[in-house]
Protein backbone atom coordinates (compact mmCIF):
# COMPACT_ATOMS: atom_id res chain seq x y z
CA MET A 1 59.29 -28.93 84.91
CA LYS A 2 58.06 -27.20 81.55
CA THR A 3 59.76 -24.00 80.14
CA ILE A 4 58.64 -21.23 78.04
CA ILE A 5 62.19 -20.28 77.41
CA ARG A 6 62.73 -19.84 73.64
CA THR A 7 66.29 -19.44 72.50
CA ASP A 8 67.88 -20.01 69.25
CA GLU A 9 69.85 -22.88 70.29
CA ARG A 10 66.30 -24.96 71.25
CA ILE A 11 63.32 -24.31 70.68
CA LEU A 12 61.38 -24.82 73.78
CA SER A 13 57.50 -24.92 74.40
CA ALA A 14 54.97 -24.57 76.92
CA ASP A 15 52.66 -26.84 75.16
CA VAL A 16 54.42 -29.78 75.32
CA PHE A 17 52.96 -32.47 77.71
CA GLY A 18 54.40 -34.67 80.16
CA ARG A 19 53.60 -38.64 79.54
CA ASP A 20 51.52 -40.81 81.99
CA ALA A 21 52.22 -42.81 84.95
CA GLN A 22 54.56 -45.60 83.26
CA GLN A 23 54.06 -49.45 83.91
CA SER A 24 56.51 -51.58 84.30
CA ARG A 25 57.19 -54.96 81.86
CA GLU A 26 56.79 -58.09 83.48
CA GLU A 27 59.93 -60.15 82.89
CA LEU A 28 58.71 -63.47 81.24
CA GLY A 29 61.99 -65.47 80.13
CA PHE A 30 62.92 -66.15 77.12
CA TRP A 31 61.85 -68.42 73.89
CA HIS A 32 64.78 -69.89 71.92
CA GLU A 33 64.94 -69.41 68.05
CA ASP A 34 66.51 -72.13 66.17
CA ALA A 35 68.99 -71.09 63.07
CA GLN A 36 66.67 -71.40 59.82
CA ASP A 37 68.04 -70.81 55.64
CA ILE A 38 66.04 -67.57 54.55
CA PRO A 39 65.76 -67.47 50.66
CA ILE A 40 67.24 -64.50 48.92
CA TYR A 41 64.57 -62.44 47.54
CA ARG A 42 66.52 -59.97 45.81
CA ARG A 43 70.45 -58.93 44.82
CA CYS A 44 71.08 -55.14 44.12
CA GLN A 45 73.59 -52.87 44.16
CA VAL A 46 72.29 -50.16 46.38
CA LEU A 47 69.20 -51.17 48.87
CA VAL A 48 67.28 -47.72 50.63
CA VAL A 49 65.67 -49.29 53.59
CA GLY A 50 62.55 -46.84 54.39
CA GLY A 51 60.68 -44.88 52.12
CA GLY A 52 60.31 -41.82 53.45
CA PRO A 53 61.54 -38.36 52.10
CA SER A 54 65.15 -39.40 52.86
CA GLY A 55 64.76 -42.50 51.35
CA THR A 56 62.68 -41.72 48.93
CA ALA A 57 65.43 -39.04 47.56
CA ALA A 58 68.33 -41.62 48.03
CA ALA A 59 66.11 -44.55 45.81
CA ALA A 60 65.63 -41.29 43.00
CA ALA A 61 69.17 -40.26 42.92
CA ALA A 62 70.86 -43.60 43.19
CA ALA A 63 68.97 -44.57 40.25
CA LYS A 64 68.92 -41.57 38.71
CA GLN A 65 73.26 -42.11 38.88
CA GLY A 66 72.84 -45.51 37.15
CA ALA A 67 72.49 -47.76 39.96
CA ASP A 68 70.30 -50.87 40.33
CA VAL A 69 67.99 -49.95 43.42
CA VAL A 70 65.57 -51.73 45.89
CA LEU A 71 63.88 -49.47 48.35
CA LEU A 72 61.88 -51.63 51.14
CA GLU A 73 58.88 -50.12 52.72
CA ARG A 74 56.84 -51.28 56.11
CA TYR A 75 53.93 -48.94 54.57
CA ASN A 76 51.75 -49.23 51.28
CA HIS A 77 53.44 -45.79 50.43
CA LEU A 78 56.41 -43.43 49.97
CA GLY A 79 56.40 -39.75 51.82
CA GLY A 80 57.16 -41.32 55.17
CA LEU A 81 56.08 -38.24 57.43
CA SER A 82 55.64 -36.25 54.75
CA THR A 83 52.54 -38.07 53.68
CA GLY A 84 51.78 -40.81 56.22
CA GLY A 85 52.45 -38.67 59.05
CA LEU A 86 50.41 -35.82 57.58
CA VAL A 87 53.28 -33.29 58.22
CA ILE A 88 52.15 -31.43 55.22
CA TRP A 89 53.54 -28.21 56.11
CA ILE A 90 57.10 -28.48 55.22
CA ASP A 91 59.63 -26.59 56.77
CA ARG A 92 61.36 -23.42 54.79
CA MET A 93 63.38 -24.31 51.92
CA THR A 94 64.58 -20.65 51.22
CA ASP A 95 67.14 -18.96 53.09
CA TRP A 96 66.36 -15.52 55.10
CA GLN A 97 67.30 -13.62 51.73
CA GLY A 98 64.47 -15.70 49.90
CA GLU A 99 67.06 -17.81 48.12
CA LEU A 100 66.15 -21.21 47.40
CA VAL A 101 68.49 -23.47 48.74
CA ILE A 102 66.82 -26.48 49.18
CA ARG A 103 66.45 -27.72 45.56
CA GLY A 104 67.87 -31.26 43.70
CA PHE A 105 64.87 -33.74 44.24
CA ALA A 106 62.93 -31.57 46.75
CA LYS A 107 62.13 -28.90 43.53
CA GLU A 108 61.34 -31.46 41.00
CA LEU A 109 58.54 -32.56 43.13
CA PHE A 110 57.43 -28.94 43.50
CA ASP A 111 57.44 -28.69 39.75
CA ARG A 112 55.66 -31.48 39.06
CA LEU A 113 52.88 -31.11 42.05
CA PRO A 114 49.69 -30.21 40.55
CA PRO A 115 49.29 -26.50 41.40
CA ASP A 116 46.32 -26.95 43.39
CA ALA A 117 48.45 -29.52 45.59
CA VAL A 118 50.75 -26.92 46.66
CA ALA A 119 49.70 -23.82 49.12
CA GLY A 120 52.25 -20.86 49.73
CA PRO A 121 53.55 -17.29 49.19
CA ALA A 122 54.50 -16.66 44.98
CA PRO A 123 58.07 -16.79 44.82
CA ALA A 124 58.39 -13.27 44.08
CA ASP A 125 57.32 -12.86 47.79
CA TRP A 126 60.05 -15.16 49.26
CA GLY A 127 62.13 -13.28 51.28
CA SER A 128 59.99 -10.06 51.82
CA GLN A 129 59.99 -8.10 55.06
CA ASP A 130 57.04 -6.07 53.73
CA ALA A 131 54.90 -5.89 57.21
CA ASP A 132 51.63 -6.76 55.54
CA LYS A 133 52.71 -9.37 53.68
CA ALA A 134 54.88 -10.99 56.74
CA GLN A 135 51.35 -10.72 58.89
CA HIS A 136 49.46 -12.54 55.78
CA TRP A 137 51.83 -15.23 55.76
CA SER A 138 52.78 -15.29 59.40
CA PHE A 139 48.84 -16.94 60.09
CA ARG A 140 49.80 -19.49 57.09
CA THR A 141 53.15 -20.89 58.23
CA ALA A 142 55.38 -19.09 55.81
CA ALA A 143 56.36 -16.35 57.61
CA TYR A 144 59.20 -16.13 60.72
CA HIS A 145 61.28 -13.02 61.93
CA GLY A 146 58.99 -11.09 59.74
CA ILE A 147 60.29 -12.48 56.80
CA VAL A 148 58.23 -14.52 54.21
CA THR A 149 60.16 -18.04 53.22
CA TRP A 150 59.15 -20.73 51.01
CA SER A 151 57.38 -23.11 53.71
CA PRO A 152 55.00 -24.44 51.94
CA THR A 153 51.61 -27.29 52.76
CA ILE A 154 50.93 -29.87 50.47
CA ASP A 155 48.00 -32.61 49.29
CA PRO A 156 49.94 -35.66 50.96
CA GLU A 157 48.09 -38.29 48.52
CA ARG A 158 49.57 -36.08 45.63
CA LEU A 159 53.18 -36.32 46.98
CA LYS A 160 52.58 -40.14 47.79
CA LEU A 161 51.76 -40.34 43.76
CA LEU A 162 54.37 -38.21 42.56
CA SER A 163 56.91 -39.76 44.59
CA GLN A 164 55.83 -43.43 43.64
CA GLN A 165 55.86 -42.10 39.36
CA ILE A 166 59.41 -40.84 39.88
CA LEU A 167 60.80 -43.88 41.49
CA LEU A 168 59.14 -46.12 38.93
CA GLU A 169 60.16 -44.26 35.82
CA ARG A 170 63.83 -44.77 37.06
CA GLN A 171 63.01 -48.43 37.18
CA VAL A 172 63.49 -48.37 41.23
CA LYS A 173 62.16 -51.89 42.69
CA LEU A 174 59.81 -50.85 45.24
CA VAL A 175 58.86 -53.33 48.26
CA TYR A 176 55.79 -52.41 50.38
CA HIS A 177 54.25 -54.25 53.29
CA SER A 178 58.03 -55.58 54.10
CA TRP A 179 59.85 -54.85 57.61
CA VAL A 180 63.50 -55.24 58.16
CA ALA A 181 64.43 -57.56 60.68
CA ALA A 182 68.17 -57.81 61.08
CA PRO A 183 71.19 -56.70 59.02
CA LEU A 184 73.34 -59.59 57.45
CA MET A 185 77.11 -59.18 58.29
CA LYS A 186 80.40 -60.16 56.91
CA ASP A 187 83.78 -58.99 58.01
CA GLY A 188 82.32 -56.17 59.65
CA ALA A 189 80.66 -54.79 56.58
CA LEU A 190 77.01 -54.90 56.07
CA LYS A 191 75.68 -57.46 52.92
CA GLY A 192 72.28 -56.69 52.96
CA VAL A 193 69.13 -57.81 55.31
CA ALA A 194 66.77 -59.66 56.80
CA PHE A 195 63.26 -58.81 56.14
CA GLU A 196 59.85 -59.69 57.28
CA SER A 197 56.63 -59.49 54.99
CA LYS A 198 53.50 -62.07 54.65
CA GLU A 199 56.03 -64.68 53.00
CA GLY A 200 57.60 -64.86 56.45
CA ARG A 201 61.76 -64.01 56.46
CA MET A 202 63.56 -63.20 53.45
CA ALA A 203 67.09 -61.43 52.64
CA ILE A 204 67.75 -58.82 50.11
CA LEU A 205 71.98 -58.54 49.28
CA ALA A 206 73.21 -55.46 48.46
CA ASP A 207 76.68 -53.80 47.55
CA VAL A 208 75.42 -50.64 49.76
CA VAL A 209 72.90 -50.31 52.06
CA ILE A 210 71.23 -46.84 53.23
CA ASP A 211 69.62 -46.39 56.17
CA ALA A 212 66.55 -44.35 55.98
CA THR A 213 64.61 -45.76 58.41
CA GLY A 214 64.47 -42.33 60.39
CA ASP A 215 65.57 -44.15 64.07
CA GLY A 216 68.85 -45.75 62.80
CA ASP A 217 67.21 -48.93 63.25
CA LEU A 218 69.75 -50.65 60.68
CA PHE A 219 72.92 -48.92 61.59
CA ALA A 220 72.17 -49.56 65.09
CA ARG A 221 71.34 -53.17 64.62
CA ALA A 222 74.80 -53.58 62.70
CA GLY A 223 76.45 -52.11 65.20
CA ALA A 224 77.22 -48.84 64.44
CA ALA A 225 77.46 -45.56 67.41
CA PHE A 226 75.00 -43.92 68.31
CA THR A 227 73.63 -41.02 70.32
CA ASN A 228 69.75 -40.91 71.95
CA ASP A 229 69.96 -38.02 74.29
CA ILE A 230 67.03 -36.43 74.56
CA GLU A 231 65.53 -33.62 76.50
CA GLU A 232 62.05 -34.48 77.42
CA GLU A 233 60.43 -30.94 77.64
CA ASP A 234 61.92 -30.04 74.06
CA VAL A 235 59.63 -30.34 71.18
CA HIS A 236 62.20 -31.39 68.76
CA HIS A 237 62.06 -35.03 71.15
CA CYS A 238 58.34 -35.31 71.46
CA MET A 239 55.56 -37.61 69.68
CA ASN A 240 52.07 -37.62 68.57
CA THR A 241 50.12 -38.45 65.80
CA SER A 242 48.56 -35.55 63.52
CA TRP A 243 45.01 -35.56 62.53
CA MET A 244 43.08 -33.50 59.93
CA PHE A 245 39.85 -32.12 60.44
CA ALA A 246 37.69 -31.33 57.11
CA GLY A 247 34.33 -28.94 56.76
CA VAL A 248 36.37 -26.19 58.44
CA ASP A 249 36.59 -22.56 57.06
CA MET A 250 39.65 -21.87 57.96
CA ASN A 251 40.29 -18.23 56.79
CA ARG A 252 37.41 -17.31 59.38
CA TRP A 253 39.80 -18.97 61.89
CA ILE A 254 42.43 -17.09 61.08
CA ALA A 255 40.46 -13.79 61.27
CA PHE A 256 39.48 -14.53 64.83
CA ARG A 257 42.77 -15.04 65.76
CA ALA A 258 44.52 -12.14 63.97
CA GLN A 259 41.81 -10.18 64.89
CA GLN A 260 40.59 -11.15 68.05
CA PRO A 261 43.88 -11.94 70.70
CA LEU A 262 42.24 -12.01 73.78
CA ALA A 263 39.29 -13.90 72.72
CA TYR A 264 41.47 -16.52 71.19
CA SER A 265 43.65 -16.33 74.41
CA ASP A 266 40.85 -16.99 75.91
CA PHE A 267 39.34 -19.89 73.52
CA MET A 268 43.17 -21.59 74.35
CA GLN A 269 42.97 -21.59 78.00
CA LYS A 270 39.34 -23.03 77.49
CA GLY A 271 40.45 -25.60 75.55
CA ARG A 272 43.01 -26.37 77.73
CA GLU A 273 40.67 -26.94 81.10
CA ALA A 274 37.92 -29.03 78.62
CA CYS A 275 40.37 -31.32 76.87
CA GLY A 276 44.04 -31.61 78.82
CA LEU A 277 46.12 -32.49 75.67
CA PHE A 278 45.20 -29.40 73.67
CA ASP A 279 46.42 -27.89 70.60
CA ARG A 280 45.83 -25.19 67.67
CA PRO A 281 45.23 -25.72 64.15
CA PHE A 282 47.66 -24.88 61.32
CA VAL A 283 46.54 -24.16 57.66
CA ALA A 284 46.87 -26.88 54.93
CA TRP A 285 46.62 -26.93 51.24
CA ARG A 286 42.83 -26.31 51.47
CA ASN A 287 40.76 -23.71 53.16
CA ASP A 288 38.39 -26.31 54.02
CA VAL A 289 41.03 -28.86 55.65
CA ALA A 290 42.60 -28.08 59.33
CA LEU A 291 45.86 -30.06 60.17
CA PHE A 292 46.62 -30.72 63.69
CA MET A 293 50.05 -31.67 64.75
CA GLY A 294 49.76 -31.97 68.22
CA PRO A 295 49.31 -32.12 71.13
CA ARG A 296 53.41 -32.80 71.46
CA GLN A 297 54.08 -35.72 74.10
CA ALA A 298 56.85 -35.55 75.86
CA GLY A 299 58.75 -38.86 78.26
CA TYR A 300 57.94 -41.29 75.77
CA SER A 301 60.30 -43.37 73.51
CA ALA A 302 60.58 -43.94 69.82
CA LEU A 303 61.89 -47.32 70.74
CA ASN A 304 59.69 -48.65 73.10
CA VAL A 305 56.51 -50.10 71.47
CA ASP A 306 54.54 -49.45 74.86
CA ASP A 307 55.46 -46.54 74.37
CA LEU A 308 54.47 -45.92 70.98
CA THR A 309 51.00 -47.25 71.93
CA ALA A 310 50.55 -45.21 74.24
CA VAL A 311 51.21 -41.86 72.44
CA GLU A 312 48.77 -43.21 69.72
CA ILE A 313 45.83 -43.87 72.17
CA ARG A 314 46.56 -40.49 73.94
CA SER A 315 46.91 -39.11 70.35
CA HIS A 316 43.30 -40.43 69.21
CA MET A 317 41.46 -39.53 72.52
CA ALA A 318 42.81 -35.97 72.00
CA MET A 319 41.32 -35.73 68.56
CA ASP A 320 37.81 -36.91 69.50
CA ALA A 321 38.11 -34.00 72.30
CA HIS A 322 39.27 -31.57 70.18
CA LEU A 323 36.43 -32.00 67.69
CA ALA A 324 33.67 -31.83 70.21
CA PHE A 325 35.38 -28.07 71.52
CA TYR A 326 36.12 -26.93 68.28
CA LYS A 327 32.73 -27.42 67.10
CA ALA A 328 31.45 -25.87 69.76
CA HIS A 329 33.25 -23.00 70.45
CA ALA A 330 36.14 -21.95 66.90
CA PRO A 331 34.61 -20.08 64.64
CA GLY A 332 34.64 -21.76 61.11
CA PHE A 333 34.76 -24.73 62.96
CA GLU A 334 31.10 -25.12 62.84
CA GLN A 335 30.55 -27.58 60.48
CA ALA A 336 33.71 -29.80 61.50
CA TYR A 337 33.87 -33.60 61.13
CA LEU A 338 37.15 -36.12 61.47
CA MET A 339 38.71 -36.50 58.19
CA LEU A 340 41.92 -38.46 58.95
CA SER A 341 44.56 -39.64 61.49
CA ALA A 342 47.87 -40.07 60.46
CA PRO A 343 48.63 -43.76 59.28
CA GLN A 344 52.30 -43.17 60.59
CA ILE A 345 52.92 -41.95 63.92
CA GLY A 346 55.45 -38.38 64.56
CA VAL A 347 58.41 -39.37 65.56
CA ARG A 348 60.80 -36.29 65.93
CA HIS A 349 63.68 -38.14 67.56
CA ALA A 350 64.97 -41.72 68.64
CA ARG A 351 68.96 -42.29 67.40
CA ARG A 352 71.62 -39.75 65.72
CA LEU A 353 74.56 -41.68 64.04
CA THR A 354 78.06 -41.10 65.33
CA GLY A 355 79.39 -40.55 61.69
CA VAL A 356 82.72 -39.44 60.49
CA ASP A 357 81.69 -36.09 60.68
CA ALA A 358 78.99 -34.18 61.82
CA VAL A 359 76.41 -30.90 61.76
CA LEU A 360 77.60 -28.81 64.70
CA ARG A 361 76.21 -26.15 66.68
CA SER A 362 79.63 -24.10 67.20
CA ARG A 363 79.65 -24.04 62.77
CA TRP A 364 76.56 -22.04 62.72
CA SER A 365 78.26 -18.79 62.75
CA ASP A 366 80.99 -20.09 60.25
CA GLY A 367 78.60 -19.37 56.80
CA VAL A 368 81.24 -21.33 55.25
CA ALA A 369 80.85 -24.22 52.75
CA LEU A 370 83.01 -27.06 54.38
CA PRO A 371 85.48 -29.05 51.93
CA THR A 372 82.89 -31.85 52.13
CA GLU A 373 79.75 -30.10 51.68
CA ILE A 374 76.68 -32.42 49.94
CA GLY A 375 74.14 -29.44 51.02
CA VAL A 376 72.94 -26.50 52.45
CA THR A 377 70.28 -25.58 54.82
CA PRO A 378 68.41 -22.49 56.07
CA ALA A 379 69.72 -21.66 59.67
CA VAL A 380 67.60 -21.18 62.34
CA SER A 381 67.09 -17.14 62.37
CA PRO A 382 68.12 -14.71 60.59
CA LYS A 383 71.37 -13.82 62.59
CA PHE A 384 72.98 -16.92 61.48
CA PRO A 385 74.22 -17.52 58.00
CA ASN A 386 73.34 -20.46 55.96
CA ILE A 387 74.44 -23.84 57.42
CA SER A 388 76.79 -26.45 55.52
CA ILE A 389 75.84 -29.96 55.65
CA PRO A 390 78.93 -32.39 55.61
CA TYR A 391 78.96 -35.70 53.78
CA GLY A 392 80.75 -37.51 56.76
CA ALA A 393 77.26 -36.51 58.54
CA LEU A 394 76.25 -39.64 56.31
CA VAL A 395 78.98 -41.77 56.87
CA PRO A 396 79.14 -44.30 59.91
CA GLU A 397 82.75 -43.82 61.95
CA LYS A 398 83.61 -47.61 61.02
CA LEU A 399 80.61 -49.32 60.26
CA ASP A 400 81.47 -50.29 56.01
CA ALA A 401 78.72 -50.84 53.26
CA LEU A 402 76.42 -48.25 55.18
CA LEU A 403 74.83 -44.38 54.55
CA ALA A 404 72.63 -42.84 56.75
CA CYS A 405 70.29 -39.84 55.85
CA GLY A 406 67.40 -38.41 57.19
CA ARG A 407 66.69 -37.58 60.95
CA HIS A 408 69.29 -39.63 62.15
CA VAL A 409 72.36 -38.25 60.44
CA SER A 410 75.27 -37.83 62.52
CA CYS A 411 74.61 -34.09 64.34
CA ASP A 412 74.61 -32.18 67.86
CA ARG A 413 71.25 -31.93 69.64
CA ASN A 414 71.03 -28.23 68.76
CA SER A 415 71.53 -28.68 65.19
CA HIS A 416 68.59 -32.05 65.43
CA GLY A 417 66.31 -29.75 65.60
CA PHE A 418 66.53 -28.63 61.92
CA MET A 419 68.06 -31.55 60.26
CA ARG A 420 64.80 -34.03 61.10
CA GLU A 421 62.92 -31.55 58.85
CA ILE A 422 61.78 -32.79 55.48
CA PRO A 423 63.24 -30.62 53.28
CA GLN A 424 66.70 -31.72 55.19
CA CYS A 425 65.46 -35.09 54.78
CA TRP A 426 65.43 -34.73 50.80
CA ILE A 427 68.81 -33.57 51.02
CA THR A 428 70.99 -35.94 52.52
CA GLY A 429 69.01 -38.63 50.84
CA GLN A 430 69.89 -37.56 47.89
CA ALA A 431 73.33 -36.99 48.57
CA ALA A 432 73.32 -40.61 50.21
CA GLY A 433 71.69 -41.58 47.07
CA VAL A 434 74.20 -40.48 44.56
CA ALA A 435 77.25 -41.31 46.95
CA ALA A 436 76.50 -45.38 47.01
CA ALA A 437 75.56 -45.29 43.33
CA LEU A 438 79.23 -43.91 42.69
CA ALA A 439 80.67 -46.39 45.34
CA VAL A 440 79.43 -49.17 43.35
CA GLN A 441 80.47 -47.64 40.19
CA HIS A 442 84.16 -47.15 41.80
CA GLY A 443 84.41 -50.79 43.61
CA ILE A 444 84.85 -48.95 46.65
CA GLN A 445 83.67 -48.28 50.23
CA PRO A 446 81.30 -44.93 50.65
CA ARG A 447 83.95 -43.66 52.85
CA HIS A 448 86.25 -43.63 50.17
CA VAL A 449 84.21 -41.66 47.48
CA ASN A 450 85.65 -38.82 45.66
CA VAL A 451 84.00 -35.53 47.04
CA ALA A 452 84.46 -33.57 44.62
CA GLU A 453 83.21 -35.92 41.90
CA LEU A 454 79.98 -36.76 44.53
CA GLN A 455 79.78 -32.56 44.59
CA GLN A 456 79.78 -32.78 40.52
CA ALA A 457 77.05 -35.25 40.51
CA LEU A 458 74.64 -33.62 43.17
CA LEU A 459 75.04 -30.45 41.12
CA ALA A 460 74.33 -32.08 37.87
CA GLN A 461 70.94 -33.22 39.73
CA GLY A 462 69.93 -29.88 40.79
CA VAL A 463 71.64 -29.61 44.14
CA TYR A 464 72.37 -26.36 46.12
CA LEU A 465 76.20 -25.97 46.61
CA ARG A 466 78.63 -23.22 47.41
CA PRO A 467 82.11 -23.46 45.61
CA HIS A 468 85.31 -24.42 46.54
CA SER A 469 88.56 -24.31 46.00
CA HIS A 470 90.37 -27.48 43.90
CA ALA A 471 92.73 -28.59 46.89
CA GLU A 472 89.80 -28.71 49.42
CA GLN A 473 87.58 -30.49 46.76
CA THR A 474 90.05 -33.53 46.60
CA ALA A 475 88.43 -34.26 50.13
CA SER A 476 87.65 -37.88 51.36
CA VAL A 477 86.18 -38.64 54.43
CA GLN A 478 88.30 -41.28 56.54
CA PRO A 479 86.96 -43.12 59.70
CA THR A 480 88.63 -41.31 62.31
CA SER A 481 87.46 -40.88 65.85
CA ALA A 482 84.46 -39.55 67.09
CA PRO A 483 83.79 -35.41 65.47
CA SER A 484 84.10 -32.91 67.93
CA ALA A 485 83.15 -28.99 67.55
CA ALA A 486 86.74 -28.38 67.90
CA SER A 487 88.32 -31.04 65.34
CA PRO A 488 85.82 -31.73 62.13
CA GLN A 489 86.71 -35.32 60.42
CA ILE A 490 87.90 -34.58 57.28
CA GLN A 491 91.01 -35.59 55.84
CA ALA A 492 92.42 -34.51 52.26
């Protein structure tokens, strides 16, 4: 049953579409695979698996900290969902007072992107509650609760190029078109990975491995504990393939939506009747490009190859149906044409690490910097203060030589709604990269990294952190039982 209830706890939507009937897979037995020796492709200090927002940030930060870094990526580009997934609307990077709290690697990206590759409100307007400005930006994905925010849209190709340029400048070894197949384990610790490419199976050995796969593929296969609970009707657990139309006039579309609400409502209703799966467009970095980040499809698993295939098929069929309907009925879309469907499927949730600590709903109201804070995220609404991200959210409860970053960090279901977003992935990726480099430099496990030293290194890389007392800053994370809302797992 669908729900249209919206709360600060979970953002639920009526525009979520259930899955097609599931077909069972025939049991066909097994094939025995013989053991084999595989060549070692490379040895390094820090291996980053996955080149999405968190993995790119992790590799850049680790290399800046002085580590020898390899980044393994299955596609031909960096940026993950922010580029290949066409999630070019970057979620809020300012808090509700207009302060930029998503900084560090994220700020470097926006400082270096060409001006014509970014669209959004000017810094002087961040945090503005002016009614006219808020209304203007609300139709351009940059104002919520009557407050203007820095949540820009970007040119994905420019972000791909810049991300690659930064890593090459820092002498990160990039390995594209390569997919991790299995962890290499010894004495309960990760020693590297086996990966597949056109050359066949090879190995990379590393002192510390960062799982930036987004789905926790590596830590799950290595035996780390995780959670994969979902709510089928929740937008945060849906999947879809995004696409873009070109040849449009988004200013005309926005005028129609803003000035003719009844006609817009009628348009949307007729679209649902005609197309079944139906969604509205978002602005892009150009007025002549429309972005569709839905329709969002529920009940599918990002860990099931048949489900992934089904979502791709439905999404591409929906794209074709949308084009026909919008060209015929939507102001500003008369000359629209297919520009691009995302090369990467839009997965919002698969697994979440069980870490030494976690981002927890019970802490949202606290407004305090945790002793092991490695980043700060804007809250879901103005009634909450900024939320502290603890280092323990990146550290597996037991598994050594591995850190996690991105949408699969340790958090509860409520907090996952924002921890999966691209700015938060930049935060956790940068923290994981710096922590991995420090662990290598000191010859220790990542869980034993001194948090005060980690925080100072992050500050030196431009990350926004709040101050702590000296006693608090001597904290380090230690392996303990799974975190709970009542007992954060931090030890001095």
